N, C-alpha and C. Protein backbone atom coordinates (compact mmCIF):
# COMPACT_ATOMS: atom_id res chain seq x y z
N MET A 1 -25.68 -48.55 95.50
CA MET A 1 -24.65 -49.56 95.46
C MET A 1 -23.92 -49.52 96.80
N GLU A 2 -23.56 -50.69 97.29
CA GLU A 2 -22.84 -50.81 98.55
C GLU A 2 -21.46 -51.40 98.28
N LEU A 3 -20.44 -50.84 98.89
CA LEU A 3 -19.07 -51.33 98.74
C LEU A 3 -18.84 -52.45 99.74
N ILE A 4 -18.38 -53.60 99.25
CA ILE A 4 -18.10 -54.76 100.10
C ILE A 4 -16.60 -55.01 100.05
N GLN A 5 -15.96 -55.01 101.21
CA GLN A 5 -14.52 -55.24 101.27
C GLN A 5 -14.23 -56.71 101.01
N GLY A 6 -13.23 -56.99 100.18
CA GLY A 6 -12.85 -58.36 99.87
C GLY A 6 -12.04 -58.96 101.00
N HIS A 7 -12.09 -60.24 101.13
CA HIS A 7 -11.30 -60.95 102.12
C HIS A 7 -10.07 -61.52 101.41
N HIS A 8 -9.54 -62.59 101.89
CA HIS A 8 -8.35 -63.19 101.30
C HIS A 8 -8.61 -63.63 99.86
N LEU A 9 -7.86 -63.06 98.93
CA LEU A 9 -7.98 -63.44 97.52
C LEU A 9 -6.62 -63.94 97.06
N ASP A 10 -6.58 -65.14 96.55
CA ASP A 10 -5.31 -65.76 96.14
C ASP A 10 -4.65 -65.05 94.97
N ASN A 11 -5.41 -64.52 94.06
CA ASN A 11 -4.85 -63.95 92.83
C ASN A 11 -4.78 -62.43 92.87
N LEU A 12 -4.72 -61.87 94.06
CA LEU A 12 -4.68 -60.42 94.21
C LEU A 12 -3.31 -59.88 93.81
N VAL A 13 -3.29 -58.82 93.04
CA VAL A 13 -2.04 -58.17 92.66
C VAL A 13 -1.45 -57.55 93.93
N PRO A 14 -0.14 -57.78 94.18
CA PRO A 14 0.48 -57.24 95.40
C PRO A 14 0.31 -55.72 95.51
N ASP A 15 0.12 -55.26 96.74
CA ASP A 15 0.00 -53.84 97.06
C ASP A 15 -1.23 -53.19 96.42
N THR A 16 -2.28 -53.94 96.24
CA THR A 16 -3.54 -53.38 95.73
C THR A 16 -4.66 -53.77 96.69
N GLU A 17 -5.72 -53.02 96.65
CA GLU A 17 -6.89 -53.33 97.47
C GLU A 17 -7.91 -54.07 96.61
N ALA A 18 -8.59 -54.99 97.24
CA ALA A 18 -9.62 -55.75 96.53
C ALA A 18 -10.99 -55.13 96.80
N GLU A 19 -11.75 -54.99 95.76
CA GLU A 19 -13.13 -54.54 95.88
C GLU A 19 -13.99 -55.46 95.05
N VAL A 20 -15.12 -55.80 95.58
CA VAL A 20 -16.09 -56.63 94.86
C VAL A 20 -17.36 -55.81 94.71
N PHE A 21 -17.85 -55.70 93.51
CA PHE A 21 -19.08 -54.98 93.27
C PHE A 21 -20.18 -55.99 92.98
N LEU A 22 -21.25 -55.87 93.69
CA LEU A 22 -22.39 -56.75 93.51
C LEU A 22 -23.57 -55.89 93.10
N SER A 23 -24.13 -56.20 91.97
CA SER A 23 -25.28 -55.45 91.47
C SER A 23 -26.47 -56.38 91.40
N VAL A 24 -27.56 -55.98 92.02
CA VAL A 24 -28.78 -56.78 92.01
C VAL A 24 -29.86 -55.95 91.35
N GLN A 25 -30.49 -56.55 90.38
CA GLN A 25 -31.54 -55.84 89.68
C GLN A 25 -32.81 -56.66 89.75
N GLY A 26 -33.91 -56.00 89.99
CA GLY A 26 -35.20 -56.68 90.10
C GLY A 26 -35.82 -56.93 88.74
N ASN A 27 -37.10 -56.95 88.72
CA ASN A 27 -37.88 -57.20 87.51
C ASN A 27 -37.68 -56.06 86.53
N LEU A 28 -37.03 -56.34 85.41
CA LEU A 28 -36.74 -55.29 84.42
C LEU A 28 -38.01 -54.66 83.89
N LEU A 29 -39.02 -55.47 83.61
CA LEU A 29 -40.27 -54.92 83.09
C LEU A 29 -40.91 -54.02 84.14
N GLY A 30 -40.93 -54.49 85.38
CA GLY A 30 -41.51 -53.68 86.45
C GLY A 30 -40.80 -52.35 86.59
N GLU A 31 -39.46 -52.40 86.55
CA GLU A 31 -38.69 -51.16 86.65
C GLU A 31 -38.98 -50.23 85.47
N MET A 32 -39.11 -50.79 84.28
CA MET A 32 -39.42 -49.98 83.12
C MET A 32 -40.79 -49.34 83.26
N LEU A 33 -41.77 -50.12 83.72
CA LEU A 33 -43.11 -49.60 83.86
C LEU A 33 -43.19 -48.54 84.95
N VAL A 34 -42.51 -48.78 86.07
CA VAL A 34 -42.48 -47.79 87.13
C VAL A 34 -41.83 -46.51 86.62
N GLY A 35 -40.72 -46.67 85.89
CA GLY A 35 -40.08 -45.51 85.29
C GLY A 35 -41.01 -44.78 84.34
N GLY A 36 -41.79 -45.53 83.58
CA GLY A 36 -42.77 -44.92 82.68
C GLY A 36 -43.84 -44.17 83.43
N LEU A 37 -44.28 -44.70 84.57
CA LEU A 37 -45.27 -44.01 85.39
C LEU A 37 -44.70 -42.71 85.94
N GLU A 38 -43.42 -42.76 86.34
CA GLU A 38 -42.79 -41.57 86.88
C GLU A 38 -42.60 -40.50 85.82
N LEU A 39 -42.33 -40.92 84.59
CA LEU A 39 -42.15 -39.96 83.51
C LEU A 39 -43.46 -39.44 82.97
N GLY A 40 -44.53 -40.17 83.21
CA GLY A 40 -45.84 -39.77 82.72
C GLY A 40 -46.42 -40.83 81.82
N GLY A 41 -47.73 -40.79 81.69
CA GLY A 41 -48.45 -41.79 80.93
C GLY A 41 -48.08 -41.87 79.47
N ASP A 42 -47.53 -40.80 78.91
CA ASP A 42 -47.19 -40.80 77.48
C ASP A 42 -46.18 -41.90 77.15
N VAL A 43 -45.26 -42.16 78.06
CA VAL A 43 -44.25 -43.19 77.82
C VAL A 43 -44.90 -44.56 77.74
N LEU A 44 -45.79 -44.86 78.68
CA LEU A 44 -46.45 -46.17 78.69
C LEU A 44 -47.45 -46.32 77.55
N GLN A 45 -48.05 -45.23 77.13
CA GLN A 45 -49.00 -45.30 76.01
C GLN A 45 -48.31 -45.82 74.75
N GLN A 46 -47.01 -45.66 74.66
CA GLN A 46 -46.27 -46.15 73.49
C GLN A 46 -46.26 -47.67 73.44
N LEU A 47 -46.53 -48.34 74.57
CA LEU A 47 -46.61 -49.80 74.59
C LEU A 47 -47.95 -50.31 74.08
N VAL A 48 -48.93 -49.43 74.02
CA VAL A 48 -50.27 -49.82 73.57
C VAL A 48 -50.30 -49.67 72.05
N VAL A 49 -49.93 -50.75 71.37
CA VAL A 49 -49.86 -50.74 69.91
C VAL A 49 -50.78 -51.80 69.35
N LEU A 50 -51.35 -51.52 68.20
CA LEU A 50 -52.22 -52.48 67.53
C LEU A 50 -51.35 -53.54 66.86
N PRO A 51 -51.50 -54.80 67.24
CA PRO A 51 -50.70 -55.86 66.63
C PRO A 51 -51.02 -56.00 65.14
N ASN A 52 -49.98 -56.19 64.35
CA ASN A 52 -50.14 -56.43 62.91
C ASN A 52 -48.85 -57.03 62.38
N GLY A 53 -48.82 -57.25 61.10
CA GLY A 53 -47.62 -57.79 60.47
C GLY A 53 -47.63 -59.30 60.42
N CYS A 54 -46.46 -59.86 60.18
CA CYS A 54 -46.32 -61.31 60.09
C CYS A 54 -46.53 -61.94 61.48
N VAL A 55 -46.46 -63.24 61.55
CA VAL A 55 -46.73 -63.95 62.81
C VAL A 55 -45.81 -63.46 63.93
N GLU A 56 -44.53 -63.27 63.66
CA GLU A 56 -43.60 -62.83 64.69
C GLU A 56 -43.86 -61.39 65.09
N GLN A 57 -44.05 -60.51 64.11
CA GLN A 57 -44.34 -59.11 64.42
C GLN A 57 -45.61 -58.99 65.24
N ASN A 58 -46.62 -59.75 64.87
CA ASN A 58 -47.90 -59.69 65.57
C ASN A 58 -47.74 -60.09 67.04
N ILE A 59 -47.09 -61.22 67.29
CA ILE A 59 -46.97 -61.68 68.68
C ILE A 59 -46.06 -60.75 69.49
N PHE A 60 -45.03 -60.19 68.86
CA PHE A 60 -44.16 -59.26 69.57
C PHE A 60 -44.88 -57.95 69.87
N ARG A 61 -45.90 -57.61 69.09
CA ARG A 61 -46.65 -56.37 69.33
C ARG A 61 -47.81 -56.57 70.30
N VAL A 62 -48.33 -57.79 70.39
CA VAL A 62 -49.41 -58.03 71.35
C VAL A 62 -48.85 -58.19 72.76
N THR A 63 -47.63 -58.67 72.89
CA THR A 63 -47.03 -58.93 74.20
C THR A 63 -47.01 -57.71 75.11
N PRO A 64 -46.55 -56.53 74.67
CA PRO A 64 -46.54 -55.38 75.58
C PRO A 64 -47.94 -55.00 76.08
N ASN A 65 -48.95 -55.18 75.25
CA ASN A 65 -50.32 -54.89 75.69
C ASN A 65 -50.71 -55.78 76.87
N ILE A 66 -50.33 -57.04 76.81
CA ILE A 66 -50.66 -58.00 77.88
C ILE A 66 -49.88 -57.66 79.14
N LEU A 67 -48.58 -57.44 79.00
CA LEU A 67 -47.74 -57.14 80.17
C LEU A 67 -48.17 -55.84 80.83
N LEU A 68 -48.44 -54.82 80.04
CA LEU A 68 -48.87 -53.53 80.57
C LEU A 68 -50.20 -53.67 81.30
N THR A 69 -51.13 -54.41 80.74
CA THR A 69 -52.44 -54.59 81.37
C THR A 69 -52.29 -55.30 82.71
N HIS A 70 -51.52 -56.37 82.75
CA HIS A 70 -51.30 -57.07 84.02
C HIS A 70 -50.69 -56.12 85.06
N TYR A 71 -49.68 -55.38 84.64
CA TYR A 71 -48.99 -54.51 85.58
C TYR A 71 -49.90 -53.40 86.10
N LEU A 72 -50.57 -52.71 85.20
CA LEU A 72 -51.42 -51.60 85.64
C LEU A 72 -52.63 -52.08 86.42
N ASP A 73 -53.14 -53.27 86.11
CA ASP A 73 -54.22 -53.85 86.93
C ASP A 73 -53.71 -54.12 88.34
N ALA A 74 -52.55 -54.76 88.45
CA ALA A 74 -52.01 -55.13 89.76
C ALA A 74 -51.66 -53.89 90.60
N MET A 75 -51.16 -52.86 89.95
CA MET A 75 -50.75 -51.65 90.66
C MET A 75 -51.88 -50.62 90.77
N ARG A 76 -52.99 -50.91 90.12
CA ARG A 76 -54.15 -49.98 90.10
C ARG A 76 -53.70 -48.58 89.68
N GLN A 77 -53.03 -48.54 88.52
CA GLN A 77 -52.45 -47.28 88.05
C GLN A 77 -53.00 -46.83 86.70
N TRP A 78 -54.13 -47.37 86.27
CA TRP A 78 -54.66 -47.00 84.96
C TRP A 78 -54.93 -45.50 84.85
N HIS A 79 -55.26 -44.87 85.95
CA HIS A 79 -55.53 -43.44 85.91
C HIS A 79 -54.31 -42.64 85.45
N ARG A 80 -53.12 -43.21 85.59
CA ARG A 80 -51.90 -42.50 85.20
C ARG A 80 -51.78 -42.36 83.69
N ILE A 81 -52.35 -43.29 82.93
CA ILE A 81 -52.27 -43.17 81.46
C ILE A 81 -53.65 -43.00 80.84
N GLY A 82 -54.68 -43.09 81.66
CA GLY A 82 -56.05 -42.93 81.15
C GLY A 82 -56.81 -44.24 81.27
N VAL A 83 -57.86 -44.24 82.05
CA VAL A 83 -58.64 -45.45 82.31
C VAL A 83 -59.15 -46.05 81.00
N ASP A 84 -59.47 -45.22 80.03
CA ASP A 84 -59.97 -45.72 78.74
C ASP A 84 -58.93 -46.56 77.99
N HIS A 85 -57.67 -46.42 78.36
CA HIS A 85 -56.63 -47.20 77.68
C HIS A 85 -56.71 -48.69 78.00
N ARG A 86 -57.32 -49.04 79.13
CA ARG A 86 -57.45 -50.47 79.43
C ARG A 86 -58.32 -51.15 78.38
N ASP A 87 -59.44 -50.53 78.05
CA ASP A 87 -60.31 -51.09 77.01
C ASP A 87 -59.55 -51.21 75.69
N ARG A 88 -58.73 -50.21 75.41
CA ARG A 88 -57.97 -50.23 74.16
C ARG A 88 -56.95 -51.38 74.15
N THR A 89 -56.27 -51.60 75.27
CA THR A 89 -55.30 -52.70 75.30
C THR A 89 -56.00 -54.05 75.17
N ILE A 90 -57.18 -54.18 75.78
CA ILE A 90 -57.93 -55.44 75.66
C ILE A 90 -58.33 -55.65 74.20
N GLN A 91 -58.76 -54.61 73.52
CA GLN A 91 -59.12 -54.74 72.10
C GLN A 91 -57.90 -55.12 71.27
N HIS A 92 -56.75 -54.56 71.61
CA HIS A 92 -55.52 -54.91 70.90
C HIS A 92 -55.16 -56.38 71.13
N ILE A 93 -55.35 -56.85 72.36
CA ILE A 93 -55.07 -58.26 72.67
C ILE A 93 -55.99 -59.16 71.86
N LEU A 94 -57.28 -58.81 71.81
CA LEU A 94 -58.24 -59.61 71.03
C LEU A 94 -57.88 -59.60 69.55
N HIS A 95 -57.51 -58.45 69.04
CA HIS A 95 -57.12 -58.33 67.63
C HIS A 95 -55.88 -59.18 67.35
N GLY A 96 -54.88 -59.07 68.22
CA GLY A 96 -53.65 -59.84 68.04
C GLY A 96 -53.90 -61.33 68.13
N TYR A 97 -54.79 -61.73 69.04
CA TYR A 97 -55.12 -63.15 69.19
C TYR A 97 -55.79 -63.68 67.92
N ALA A 98 -56.74 -62.93 67.40
CA ALA A 98 -57.44 -63.35 66.17
C ALA A 98 -56.45 -63.48 65.01
N ARG A 99 -55.54 -62.52 64.88
CA ARG A 99 -54.53 -62.59 63.81
C ARG A 99 -53.62 -63.79 64.01
N GLN A 100 -53.24 -64.06 65.26
CA GLN A 100 -52.31 -65.15 65.53
C GLN A 100 -52.93 -66.49 65.18
N MET A 101 -54.23 -66.62 65.39
CA MET A 101 -54.90 -67.89 65.11
C MET A 101 -54.85 -68.25 63.62
N GLN A 102 -54.62 -67.26 62.76
CA GLN A 102 -54.49 -67.53 61.33
C GLN A 102 -53.24 -68.36 61.02
N TYR A 103 -52.28 -68.35 61.93
CA TYR A 103 -51.03 -69.08 61.74
C TYR A 103 -51.00 -70.41 62.50
N ARG A 104 -52.10 -70.75 63.13
CA ARG A 104 -52.16 -71.98 63.93
C ARG A 104 -52.49 -73.16 63.03
N GLN A 105 -51.74 -74.23 63.19
CA GLN A 105 -52.01 -75.46 62.44
C GLN A 105 -52.91 -76.37 63.27
N SER A 106 -53.52 -77.33 62.63
CA SER A 106 -54.48 -78.21 63.31
C SER A 106 -53.83 -79.02 64.43
N ASP A 107 -52.51 -79.22 64.38
CA ASP A 107 -51.84 -79.98 65.44
C ASP A 107 -51.49 -79.12 66.67
N GLY A 108 -51.80 -77.83 66.62
CA GLY A 108 -51.53 -76.93 67.74
C GLY A 108 -50.29 -76.09 67.58
N SER A 109 -49.49 -76.37 66.56
CA SER A 109 -48.26 -75.61 66.35
C SER A 109 -48.54 -74.35 65.54
N TYR A 110 -47.55 -73.47 65.51
CA TYR A 110 -47.62 -72.24 64.73
C TYR A 110 -46.45 -72.22 63.77
N PHE A 111 -46.70 -71.75 62.57
CA PHE A 111 -45.65 -71.71 61.55
C PHE A 111 -45.22 -70.27 61.30
N PRO A 112 -43.93 -70.06 61.02
CA PRO A 112 -43.44 -68.70 60.81
C PRO A 112 -43.82 -68.10 59.46
N TYR A 113 -44.07 -68.93 58.48
CA TYR A 113 -44.48 -68.43 57.18
C TYR A 113 -45.25 -69.53 56.47
N ARG A 114 -46.10 -69.14 55.57
CA ARG A 114 -46.96 -70.09 54.86
C ARG A 114 -46.12 -71.16 54.17
N GLY A 115 -46.56 -72.40 54.29
CA GLY A 115 -45.86 -73.50 53.66
C GLY A 115 -44.79 -74.14 54.53
N SER A 116 -44.51 -73.53 55.69
CA SER A 116 -43.49 -74.11 56.57
C SER A 116 -44.16 -75.00 57.62
N THR A 117 -43.34 -75.77 58.30
CA THR A 117 -43.85 -76.62 59.37
C THR A 117 -43.89 -75.84 60.67
N GLY A 118 -44.49 -76.45 61.69
CA GLY A 118 -44.59 -75.80 62.99
C GLY A 118 -43.23 -75.48 63.58
N SER A 119 -43.13 -74.33 64.19
CA SER A 119 -41.89 -73.87 64.81
C SER A 119 -41.95 -74.08 66.32
N THR A 120 -40.92 -74.69 66.85
CA THR A 120 -40.86 -74.98 68.28
C THR A 120 -40.85 -73.70 69.10
N TRP A 121 -39.90 -72.80 68.82
CA TRP A 121 -39.79 -71.59 69.65
C TRP A 121 -41.00 -70.70 69.47
N LEU A 122 -41.51 -70.58 68.26
CA LEU A 122 -42.65 -69.71 68.02
C LEU A 122 -43.90 -70.24 68.72
N THR A 123 -44.12 -71.54 68.65
CA THR A 123 -45.27 -72.14 69.32
C THR A 123 -45.15 -71.94 70.83
N ALA A 124 -43.95 -72.13 71.38
CA ALA A 124 -43.75 -71.95 72.82
C ALA A 124 -43.98 -70.50 73.24
N TYR A 125 -43.50 -69.57 72.43
CA TYR A 125 -43.66 -68.16 72.76
C TYR A 125 -45.13 -67.76 72.70
N ILE A 126 -45.83 -68.19 71.67
CA ILE A 126 -47.25 -67.87 71.54
C ILE A 126 -48.04 -68.50 72.69
N LEU A 127 -47.70 -69.74 73.04
CA LEU A 127 -48.34 -70.40 74.18
C LEU A 127 -48.14 -69.58 75.45
N LYS A 128 -46.93 -69.14 75.69
CA LYS A 128 -46.62 -68.34 76.87
C LYS A 128 -47.42 -67.05 76.90
N VAL A 129 -47.43 -66.33 75.78
CA VAL A 129 -48.09 -65.03 75.72
C VAL A 129 -49.59 -65.16 75.93
N PHE A 130 -50.22 -66.11 75.25
CA PHE A 130 -51.67 -66.21 75.37
C PHE A 130 -52.11 -66.91 76.65
N THR A 131 -51.22 -67.65 77.29
CA THR A 131 -51.51 -68.15 78.64
C THR A 131 -51.55 -66.97 79.61
N MET A 132 -50.66 -66.01 79.43
CA MET A 132 -50.69 -64.80 80.25
C MET A 132 -51.92 -63.96 79.95
N ALA A 133 -52.38 -63.98 78.70
CA ALA A 133 -53.53 -63.16 78.31
C ALA A 133 -54.85 -63.74 78.77
N HIS A 134 -54.91 -65.04 78.96
CA HIS A 134 -56.19 -65.69 79.27
C HIS A 134 -56.94 -65.07 80.46
N PRO A 135 -56.28 -64.75 81.57
CA PRO A 135 -57.04 -64.13 82.67
C PRO A 135 -57.62 -62.77 82.31
N LEU A 136 -57.06 -62.11 81.32
CA LEU A 136 -57.55 -60.80 80.89
C LEU A 136 -58.66 -60.91 79.86
N VAL A 137 -58.56 -61.93 79.01
CA VAL A 137 -59.48 -62.11 77.88
C VAL A 137 -59.97 -63.55 77.93
N ASN A 138 -61.17 -63.74 78.44
CA ASN A 138 -61.65 -65.11 78.63
C ASN A 138 -62.10 -65.79 77.34
N THR A 139 -61.98 -65.13 76.22
CA THR A 139 -62.34 -65.76 74.95
C THR A 139 -61.18 -66.54 74.33
N ILE A 140 -60.03 -66.51 74.97
CA ILE A 140 -58.89 -67.30 74.48
C ILE A 140 -59.20 -68.76 74.73
N ASP A 141 -59.06 -69.55 73.69
CA ASP A 141 -59.43 -70.96 73.71
C ASP A 141 -58.39 -71.78 74.49
N LEU A 142 -58.80 -72.26 75.67
CA LEU A 142 -57.89 -73.07 76.49
C LEU A 142 -57.51 -74.37 75.80
N GLN A 143 -58.43 -74.93 75.03
CA GLN A 143 -58.13 -76.17 74.31
C GLN A 143 -57.01 -75.93 73.29
N ALA A 144 -57.02 -74.77 72.65
CA ALA A 144 -55.95 -74.44 71.70
C ALA A 144 -54.61 -74.31 72.43
N LEU A 145 -54.62 -73.70 73.61
CA LEU A 145 -53.39 -73.59 74.39
C LEU A 145 -52.88 -74.97 74.78
N CYS A 146 -53.79 -75.83 75.22
CA CYS A 146 -53.40 -77.19 75.62
C CYS A 146 -52.86 -77.99 74.44
N SER A 147 -53.46 -77.81 73.27
CA SER A 147 -52.97 -78.56 72.11
C SER A 147 -51.58 -78.08 71.69
N SER A 148 -51.29 -76.80 71.88
CA SER A 148 -49.94 -76.29 71.60
C SER A 148 -48.93 -76.89 72.56
N ALA A 149 -49.29 -76.93 73.85
CA ALA A 149 -48.39 -77.53 74.84
C ALA A 149 -48.18 -79.02 74.54
N ALA A 150 -49.26 -79.70 74.18
CA ALA A 150 -49.15 -81.13 73.86
C ALA A 150 -48.26 -81.35 72.64
N TRP A 151 -48.39 -80.51 71.62
CA TRP A 151 -47.55 -80.63 70.43
C TRP A 151 -46.07 -80.47 70.80
N LEU A 152 -45.78 -79.48 71.63
CA LEU A 152 -44.39 -79.26 72.03
C LEU A 152 -43.83 -80.47 72.78
N ILE A 153 -44.60 -81.00 73.69
CA ILE A 153 -44.12 -82.11 74.52
C ILE A 153 -44.05 -83.41 73.72
N ARG A 154 -45.08 -83.68 72.94
CA ARG A 154 -45.13 -84.96 72.22
C ARG A 154 -44.27 -84.99 70.96
N LYS A 155 -44.18 -83.86 70.28
CA LYS A 155 -43.51 -83.85 68.97
C LYS A 155 -42.12 -83.21 68.98
N LYS A 156 -41.84 -82.35 69.94
CA LYS A 156 -40.59 -81.58 69.89
C LYS A 156 -39.68 -81.78 71.08
N GLN A 157 -40.08 -82.63 72.02
CA GLN A 157 -39.22 -82.89 73.16
C GLN A 157 -38.56 -84.24 73.00
N GLY A 158 -37.23 -84.25 73.12
CA GLY A 158 -36.48 -85.50 73.01
C GLY A 158 -36.56 -86.31 74.29
N SER A 159 -36.10 -87.54 74.22
CA SER A 159 -36.17 -88.45 75.37
C SER A 159 -35.36 -87.97 76.57
N GLU A 160 -34.34 -87.16 76.33
CA GLU A 160 -33.51 -86.64 77.42
C GLU A 160 -34.06 -85.32 77.98
N GLY A 161 -35.20 -84.86 77.46
CA GLY A 161 -35.80 -83.62 77.96
C GLY A 161 -35.50 -82.40 77.13
N HIS A 162 -34.59 -82.51 76.16
CA HIS A 162 -34.25 -81.37 75.31
C HIS A 162 -35.36 -81.16 74.28
N PHE A 163 -35.40 -79.96 73.73
CA PHE A 163 -36.34 -79.63 72.67
C PHE A 163 -35.53 -79.38 71.40
N PHE A 164 -36.12 -79.71 70.29
CA PHE A 164 -35.42 -79.48 69.03
C PHE A 164 -36.29 -78.66 68.09
N GLU A 165 -35.62 -77.95 67.22
CA GLU A 165 -36.27 -77.05 66.26
C GLU A 165 -35.87 -77.48 64.86
N ASN A 166 -36.83 -77.82 64.03
CA ASN A 166 -36.56 -78.18 62.64
C ASN A 166 -36.76 -77.01 61.69
N THR A 167 -37.45 -76.00 62.15
CA THR A 167 -37.74 -74.84 61.32
C THR A 167 -36.64 -73.80 61.52
N PRO A 168 -36.10 -73.22 60.45
CA PRO A 168 -35.06 -72.19 60.60
C PRO A 168 -35.55 -71.04 61.47
N ILE A 169 -34.66 -70.51 62.31
CA ILE A 169 -34.97 -69.36 63.16
C ILE A 169 -34.36 -68.14 62.50
N TYR A 170 -35.22 -67.22 62.07
CA TYR A 170 -34.76 -66.03 61.37
C TYR A 170 -34.65 -64.82 62.29
N THR A 171 -35.25 -64.91 63.48
CA THR A 171 -35.21 -63.80 64.41
C THR A 171 -33.92 -63.90 65.22
N PRO A 172 -32.96 -62.98 65.03
CA PRO A 172 -31.66 -63.09 65.71
C PRO A 172 -31.77 -63.22 67.23
N ALA A 173 -32.71 -62.51 67.83
CA ALA A 173 -32.85 -62.56 69.29
C ALA A 173 -33.24 -63.94 69.78
N MET A 174 -33.79 -64.76 68.91
CA MET A 174 -34.25 -66.08 69.32
C MET A 174 -33.22 -67.17 69.05
N GLN A 175 -32.08 -66.82 68.50
CA GLN A 175 -31.05 -67.82 68.21
C GLN A 175 -30.23 -68.07 69.48
N VAL A 176 -30.86 -68.70 70.45
CA VAL A 176 -30.26 -69.00 71.75
C VAL A 176 -30.39 -70.49 72.00
N SER A 177 -30.01 -70.92 73.16
CA SER A 177 -30.17 -72.32 73.53
C SER A 177 -31.65 -72.64 73.60
N SER A 178 -32.15 -73.29 72.57
CA SER A 178 -33.60 -73.50 72.48
C SER A 178 -34.13 -74.41 73.58
N SER A 179 -33.39 -75.40 74.02
CA SER A 179 -33.90 -76.29 75.07
C SER A 179 -34.09 -75.53 76.38
N HIS A 180 -33.12 -74.69 76.75
CA HIS A 180 -33.26 -73.90 77.97
C HIS A 180 -34.44 -72.95 77.82
N TRP A 181 -34.51 -72.27 76.69
CA TRP A 181 -35.59 -71.32 76.45
C TRP A 181 -36.94 -72.02 76.51
N MET A 182 -37.03 -73.20 75.89
CA MET A 182 -38.28 -73.95 75.86
C MET A 182 -38.71 -74.36 77.26
N ARG A 183 -37.79 -74.86 78.06
CA ARG A 183 -38.15 -75.29 79.41
C ARG A 183 -38.70 -74.12 80.22
N THR A 184 -38.08 -72.95 80.08
CA THR A 184 -38.57 -71.81 80.84
C THR A 184 -39.93 -71.36 80.32
N ARG A 185 -40.18 -71.44 79.03
CA ARG A 185 -41.49 -71.06 78.48
C ARG A 185 -42.58 -72.01 78.98
N LEU A 186 -42.29 -73.30 78.95
CA LEU A 186 -43.29 -74.27 79.40
C LEU A 186 -43.52 -74.15 80.90
N ALA A 187 -42.46 -73.93 81.66
CA ALA A 187 -42.62 -73.81 83.11
C ALA A 187 -43.43 -72.58 83.47
N VAL A 188 -43.11 -71.44 82.87
CA VAL A 188 -43.82 -70.21 83.19
C VAL A 188 -45.20 -70.22 82.55
N GLY A 189 -45.29 -70.74 81.33
CA GLY A 189 -46.58 -70.77 80.64
C GLY A 189 -47.57 -71.69 81.30
N GLY A 190 -47.09 -72.67 82.04
CA GLY A 190 -47.98 -73.63 82.67
C GLY A 190 -48.60 -73.14 83.96
N LYS A 191 -48.20 -71.98 84.43
CA LYS A 191 -48.74 -71.46 85.70
C LYS A 191 -50.09 -70.84 85.48
C-alpha cells in the first residue's frame, strides 16, 4: 500500500491531516489460484469436484473445474497439483455438462426445477460457463449455446436493452440487478 497525501479538501476537519487510501486488486480468481499454488496442490485439488445435485448446484460445481483448467493450462502449472488431475477435471466438466443438458428446454433456456419456465439468469450463467468450457471440451454443442443466447435476446430482452426474469430467483447471491448481470454475462460469454 502506498500513502498518497491529500490536496485541498473542502470538507476537511480543521487541524487534521488528510489521507487517501487507494486499494487496487487484480483478478480475484487468479490471486486465489496463485495463493493455492503457493500453499500447495492440496488447496487447488479441493476445486476439482464432481458436479452433482440440482441444476444450480451442478453448474456451481462444474464452474471451478473449468476455471482451474484454464488457469493451470495458461500458467503451465499442472505439475503442482498432479498432471493426472487435468484429465479428472475434464471428466468432471463432461459429467457436469451432461447433467446440465437434462435441464435444457427445446427453446434453449434452462429451468431451475421441473415444471418451471426458463430462467433468465440461470440460462445466462450456464451459457457463460459452457462457452468458457468449449475450448477445453470440444463436444459441447455450439448450436445449443447459440440457441440459449438467442432465447435470452429474443425472449428476455426488453426494447430498452434491459433483461427481465419471470422465474423466481431462490439463490440469494443471484438477487442482484439482473439487467446489469445479464449484459456482463452476454458480453463475456460472447467472446
